[in-house]
C-alpha atoms as a PDB file:
ATOM      1  CA  UNK A   1      18.429  11.932 -35.476  1.00  0.00           C
ATOM      2  CA  UNK A   2      16.621  11.581 -32.187  1.00  0.00           C
ATOM      3  CA  UNK A   3      17.583  10.802 -28.606  1.00  0.00           C
ATOM      4  CA  UNK A   4      15.037  10.097 -25.956  1.00  0.00           C
ATOM      5  CA  UNK A   5      15.821  10.123 -22.243  1.00  0.00           C
ATOM      6  CA  UNK A   6      13.547   8.272 -19.875  1.00  0.00           C
ATOM      7  CA  UNK A   7      13.952   9.622 -16.360  1.00  0.00           C
ATOM      8  CA  UNK A   8      12.419   8.738 -13.037  1.00  0.00           C
ATOM      9  CA  UNK A   9      11.376  11.773 -11.017  1.00  0.00           C
ATOM     10  CA  UNK A  10      10.822  15.424 -11.958  1.00  0.00           C
ATOM     11  CA  UNK A  11      13.558  18.028 -11.663  1.00  0.00           C
ATOM     12  CA  UNK A  12      12.815  20.045  -8.519  1.00  0.00           C
ATOM     13  CA  UNK A  13      15.930  22.240  -8.150  1.00  0.00           C
ATOM     14  CA  UNK A  14      16.074  25.474 -10.151  1.00  0.00           C
ATOM     15  CA  UNK A  15      19.751  25.136 -10.949  1.00  0.00           C
ATOM     16  CA  UNK A  16      19.194  21.659 -12.451  1.00  0.00           C
ATOM     17  CA  UNK A  17      16.304  22.887 -14.638  1.00  0.00           C
ATOM     18  CA  UNK A  18      18.486  25.743 -15.840  1.00  0.00           C
ATOM     19  CA  UNK A  19      21.412  23.436 -16.581  1.00  0.00           C
ATOM     20  CA  UNK A  20      19.184  20.921 -18.435  1.00  0.00           C
ATOM     21  CA  UNK A  21      17.580  23.692 -20.445  1.00  0.00           C
ATOM     22  CA  UNK A  22      20.946  25.106 -21.329  1.00  0.00           C
ATOM     23  CA  UNK A  23      22.210  21.722 -22.734  1.00  0.00           C
ATOM     24  CA  UNK A  24      18.818  21.082 -24.533  1.00  0.00           C
ATOM     25  CA  UNK A  25      19.281  24.452 -26.247  1.00  0.00           C
ATOM     26  CA  UNK A  26      22.954  23.742 -27.144  1.00  0.00           C
ATOM     27  CA  UNK A  27      21.973  20.336 -28.581  1.00  0.00           C
ATOM     28  CA  UNK A  28      19.236  21.735 -30.903  1.00  0.00           C
ATOM     29  CA  UNK A  29      21.604  22.090 -33.898  1.00  0.00           C
ATOM     30  CA  UNK A  30      22.801  18.516 -33.534  1.00  0.00           C
ATOM     31  CA  UNK A  31      19.889  16.359 -32.505  1.00  0.00           C
ATOM     32  CA  UNK A  32      16.273  16.295 -31.401  1.00  0.00           C
ATOM     33  CA  UNK A  33      16.073  15.290 -27.706  1.00  0.00           C
ATOM     34  CA  UNK A  34      12.952  14.319 -25.864  1.00  0.00           C
ATOM     35  CA  UNK A  35      12.836  13.823 -22.078  1.00  0.00           C
ATOM     36  CA  UNK A  36      10.141  11.515 -20.752  1.00  0.00           C
ATOM     37  CA  UNK A  37       9.640  11.792 -17.009  1.00  0.00           C
ATOM     38  CA  UNK A  38       7.769   9.302 -14.843  1.00  0.00           C
ATOM     39  CA  UNK A  39       6.852   9.903 -11.266  1.00  0.00           C
ATOM     40  CA  UNK A  40       9.156   8.397  -8.687  1.00  0.00           C
ATOM     41  CA  UNK A  41       7.651   6.256  -5.983  1.00  0.00           C
ATOM     42  CA  UNK A  42       7.519   7.324  -2.392  1.00  0.00           C
ATOM     43  CA  UNK A  43       9.502   5.131   0.035  1.00  0.00           C
ATOM     44  CA  UNK A  44       8.745   4.661   3.705  1.00  0.00           C
ATOM     45  CA  UNK A  45      11.353   5.366   6.397  1.00  0.00           C
ATOM     46  CA  UNK A  46      13.816   2.462   6.895  1.00  0.00           C
ATOM     47  CA  UNK A  47      12.718   0.520   3.882  1.00  0.00           C
ATOM     48  CA  UNK A  48      13.638  -3.122   3.546  1.00  0.00           C
ATOM     49  CA  UNK A  49      15.307  -4.591   0.491  1.00  0.00           C
ATOM     50  CA  UNK A  50      11.994  -5.976  -0.543  1.00  0.00           C
ATOM     51  CA  UNK A  51      10.495  -2.470  -0.279  1.00  0.00           C
ATOM     52  CA  UNK A  52      13.234  -1.031  -2.408  1.00  0.00           C
ATOM     53  CA  UNK A  53      12.807  -3.786  -5.050  1.00  0.00           C
ATOM     54  CA  UNK A  54       8.988  -3.031  -5.113  1.00  0.00           C
ATOM     55  CA  UNK A  55       9.849   0.647  -5.708  1.00  0.00           C
ATOM     56  CA  UNK A  56      12.236  -0.047  -8.489  1.00  0.00           C
ATOM     57  CA  UNK A  57       9.756  -2.431 -10.181  1.00  0.00           C
ATOM     58  CA  UNK A  58       6.887   0.075 -10.011  1.00  0.00           C
ATOM     59  CA  UNK A  59       9.106   2.790 -11.514  1.00  0.00           C
ATOM     60  CA  UNK A  60      10.315   0.326 -14.102  1.00  0.00           C
ATOM     61  CA  UNK A  61       6.772  -0.605 -15.154  1.00  0.00           C
ATOM     62  CA  UNK A  62       6.059   3.022 -15.709  1.00  0.00           C
ATOM     63  CA  UNK A  63       8.992   3.247 -18.136  1.00  0.00           C
ATOM     64  CA  UNK A  64       8.283  -0.121 -19.812  1.00  0.00           C
ATOM     65  CA  UNK A  65       4.772   1.180 -20.674  1.00  0.00           C
ATOM     66  CA  UNK A  66       6.239   4.123 -22.498  1.00  0.00           C
ATOM     67  CA  UNK A  67       8.829   2.157 -24.435  1.00  0.00           C
ATOM     68  CA  UNK A  68       8.496   1.251 -28.122  1.00  0.00           C
ATOM     69  CA  UNK A  69       9.619  -2.224 -29.043  1.00  0.00           C
ATOM     70  CA  UNK A  70      12.192  -0.901 -31.537  1.00  0.00           C
ATOM     71  CA  UNK A  71      13.999   1.522 -29.264  1.00  0.00           C
ATOM     72  CA  UNK A  72      17.660   0.956 -28.755  1.00  0.00           C
ATOM     73  CA  UNK A  73      17.764   1.328 -24.996  1.00  0.00           C
ATOM     74  CA  UNK A  74      20.852   2.287 -23.024  1.00  0.00           C
ATOM     75  CA  UNK A  75      20.518   2.172 -19.248  1.00  0.00           C
ATOM     76  CA  UNK A  76      22.576   4.152 -16.836  1.00  0.00           C
ATOM     77  CA  UNK A  77      23.984   1.567 -14.358  1.00  0.00           C
ATOM     78  CA  UNK A  78      26.679   2.160 -11.734  1.00  0.00           C
ATOM     79  CA  UNK A  79      28.184  -1.299 -12.196  1.00  0.00           C
ATOM     80  CA  UNK A  80      28.831  -1.204 -15.931  1.00  0.00           C
ATOM     81  CA  UNK A  81      31.567   0.098 -18.140  1.00  0.00           C
ATOM     82  CA  UNK A  82      32.592   3.754 -17.769  1.00  0.00           C
ATOM     83  CA  UNK A  83      33.641   5.185 -21.068  1.00  0.00           C
ATOM     84  CA  UNK A  84      35.831   8.280 -21.373  1.00  0.00           C
ATOM     85  CA  UNK A  85      34.292  11.249 -23.178  1.00  0.00           C
ATOM     86  CA  UNK A  86      36.126  10.232 -26.381  1.00  0.00           C
ATOM     87  CA  UNK A  87      34.923   6.636 -25.994  1.00  0.00           C
ATOM     88  CA  UNK A  88      31.403   7.831 -25.372  1.00  0.00           C
ATOM     89  CA  UNK A  89      31.470  10.040 -28.500  1.00  0.00           C
ATOM     90  CA  UNK A  90      32.486   7.089 -30.572  1.00  0.00           C
ATOM     91  CA  UNK A  91      29.947   4.817 -28.876  1.00  0.00           C
ATOM     92  CA  UNK A  92      27.196   7.366 -29.330  1.00  0.00           C
ATOM     93  CA  UNK A  93      28.011   7.884 -33.048  1.00  0.00           C
ATOM     94  CA  UNK A  94      27.949   3.992 -33.546  1.00  0.00           C
ATOM     95  CA  UNK A  95      24.712   3.540 -31.710  1.00  0.00           C
ATOM     96  CA  UNK A  96      23.085   6.334 -33.638  1.00  0.00           C
ATOM     97  CA  UNK A  97      23.957   4.497 -36.808  1.00  0.00           C
ATOM     98  CA  UNK A  98      23.024   1.084 -35.411  1.00  0.00           C
ATOM     99  CA  UNK A  99      19.833   2.348 -33.788  1.00  0.00           C
ATOM    100  CA  UNK A 100      18.622   3.837 -36.996  1.00  0.00           C
ATOM    101  CA  UNK A 101      19.425   7.385 -35.828  1.00  0.00           C
ATOM    102  CA  UNK A 102      17.157   6.903 -32.743  1.00  0.00           C
ATOM    103  CA  UNK A 103      18.404   5.855 -29.355  1.00  0.00           C
ATOM    104  CA  UNK A 104      17.050   6.099 -25.846  1.00  0.00           C
ATOM    105  CA  UNK A 105      18.694   6.382 -22.381  1.00  0.00           C
ATOM    106  CA  UNK A 106      17.035   5.363 -19.145  1.00  0.00           C
ATOM    107  CA  UNK A 107      17.910   6.980 -15.746  1.00  0.00           C
ATOM    108  CA  UNK A 108      16.398   5.094 -12.851  1.00  0.00           C
ATOM    109  CA  UNK A 109      15.297   6.561  -9.586  1.00  0.00           C
ATOM    110  CA  UNK A 110      17.212   6.905  -6.333  1.00  0.00           C
ATOM    111  CA  UNK A 111      17.533   3.098  -5.966  1.00  0.00           C
ATOM    112  CA  UNK A 112      18.450   2.310  -9.569  1.00  0.00           C
ATOM    113  CA  UNK A 113      16.988   0.348 -12.344  1.00  0.00           C
ATOM    114  CA  UNK A 114      14.528  -2.593 -11.988  1.00  0.00           C
ATOM    115  CA  UNK A 115      15.737  -5.954 -13.235  1.00  0.00           C
ATOM    116  CA  UNK A 116      13.107  -5.859 -15.954  1.00  0.00           C
ATOM    117  CA  UNK A 117      14.411  -2.542 -17.314  1.00  0.00           C
ATOM    118  CA  UNK A 118      18.031  -3.912 -17.146  1.00  0.00           C
ATOM    119  CA  UNK A 119      16.933  -6.981 -19.110  1.00  0.00           C
ATOM    120  CA  UNK A 120      15.176  -4.708 -21.718  1.00  0.00           C
ATOM    121  CA  UNK A 121      18.273  -2.561 -22.184  1.00  0.00           C
ATOM    122  CA  UNK A 122      20.310  -3.236 -25.218  1.00  0.00           C
ATOM    123  CA  UNK A 123      23.356  -1.947 -23.395  1.00  0.00           C
ATOM    124  CA  UNK A 124      24.198  -0.324 -20.034  1.00  0.00           C
ATOM    125  CA  UNK A 125      26.943   2.184 -19.169  1.00  0.00           C
ATOM    126  CA  UNK A 126      28.071   4.151 -16.076  1.00  0.00           C
ATOM    127  CA  UNK A 127      28.685   7.757 -15.980  1.00  0.00           C
ATOM    128  CA  UNK A 128      31.336   7.477 -13.317  1.00  0.00           C
ATOM    129  CA  UNK A 129      32.633   5.456 -10.449  1.00  0.00           C
ATOM    130  CA  UNK A 130      31.092   8.047  -8.269  1.00  0.00           C
ATOM    131  CA  UNK A 131      27.530   8.093  -7.227  1.00  0.00           C
ATOM    132  CA  UNK A 132      25.436  11.031  -8.354  1.00  0.00           C
ATOM    133  CA  UNK A 133      21.777  11.910  -7.463  1.00  0.00           C
ATOM    134  CA  UNK A 134      19.620  10.631 -10.307  1.00  0.00           C
ATOM    135  CA  UNK A 135      18.384  14.096 -11.046  1.00  0.00           C
ATOM    136  CA  UNK A 136      21.958  15.310 -11.439  1.00  0.00           C
ATOM    137  CA  UNK A 137      22.713  12.397 -13.689  1.00  0.00           C
ATOM    138  CA  UNK A 138      20.274  13.816 -16.264  1.00  0.00           C
ATOM    139  CA  UNK A 139      22.341  17.065 -16.452  1.00  0.00           C
ATOM    140  CA  UNK A 140      25.613  15.080 -16.602  1.00  0.00           C
ATOM    141  CA  UNK A 141      24.284  12.865 -19.403  1.00  0.00           C
ATOM    142  CA  UNK A 142      23.072  15.833 -21.467  1.00  0.00           C
ATOM    143  CA  UNK A 143      26.499  17.511 -21.038  1.00  0.00           C
ATOM    144  CA  UNK A 144      28.237  14.314 -22.174  1.00  0.00           C
ATOM    145  CA  UNK A 145      25.926  13.923 -25.192  1.00  0.00           C
ATOM    146  CA  UNK A 146      26.685  17.545 -26.191  1.00  0.00           C
ATOM    147  CA  UNK A 147      30.381  16.962 -25.680  1.00  0.00           C
ATOM    148  CA  UNK A 148      30.125  13.880 -27.904  1.00  0.00           C
ATOM    149  CA  UNK A 149      28.556  15.774 -30.713  1.00  0.00           C
ATOM    150  CA  UNK A 150      31.261  18.441 -30.493  1.00  0.00           C
ATOM    151  CA  UNK A 151      34.028  15.779 -30.431  1.00  0.00           C
ATOM    152  CA  UNK A 152      32.466  13.897 -33.403  1.00  0.00           C
ATOM    153  CA  UNK A 153      32.316  17.060 -35.503  1.00  0.00           C
ATOM    154  CA  UNK A 154      35.786  18.190 -34.539  1.00  0.00           C
ATOM    155  CA  UNK A 155      34.335  21.388 -32.977  1.00  0.00           C
ATOM    156  CA  UNK A 156      35.965  23.243 -30.195  1.00  0.00           C
ATOM    157  CA  UNK A 157      34.661  22.608 -26.638  1.00  0.00           C
ATOM    158  CA  UNK A 158      36.438  23.171 -23.370  1.00  0.00           C
ATOM    159  CA  UNK A 159      38.323  20.307 -21.776  1.00  0.00           C
END
């Protein structure tokens, strides 16, 4: 079983790195996780919508180059369904079976996912109605994946 997370941008804050490393350690008994980072694009001050689309497209191209054609790709998208933790656990279990025990998630940059990435995704979900920095989203996603494995194995984990 393998999960890959494609993420735009590198983690810069120490607390985020520590949190991500903690959940990667906790997940080792359950699943192999690989995080693929691509550099985020710089944005000029007061960017236009066209500028932002160009940034998303460049970031999306970097991810597309790394994708394998058989990856079951799930995009994190603010405007899609927001599963509860129990629903996500069931969803993850189903997708690991459907995806041949290999699935991938993609976390866009500050301005979201490009249209090309959205079209390539087999599915898209939202972590919350709230907006989080994309780097924090990586930590939240890892925590929810860990929680899902605990739920699916009927193991105790705080609520």
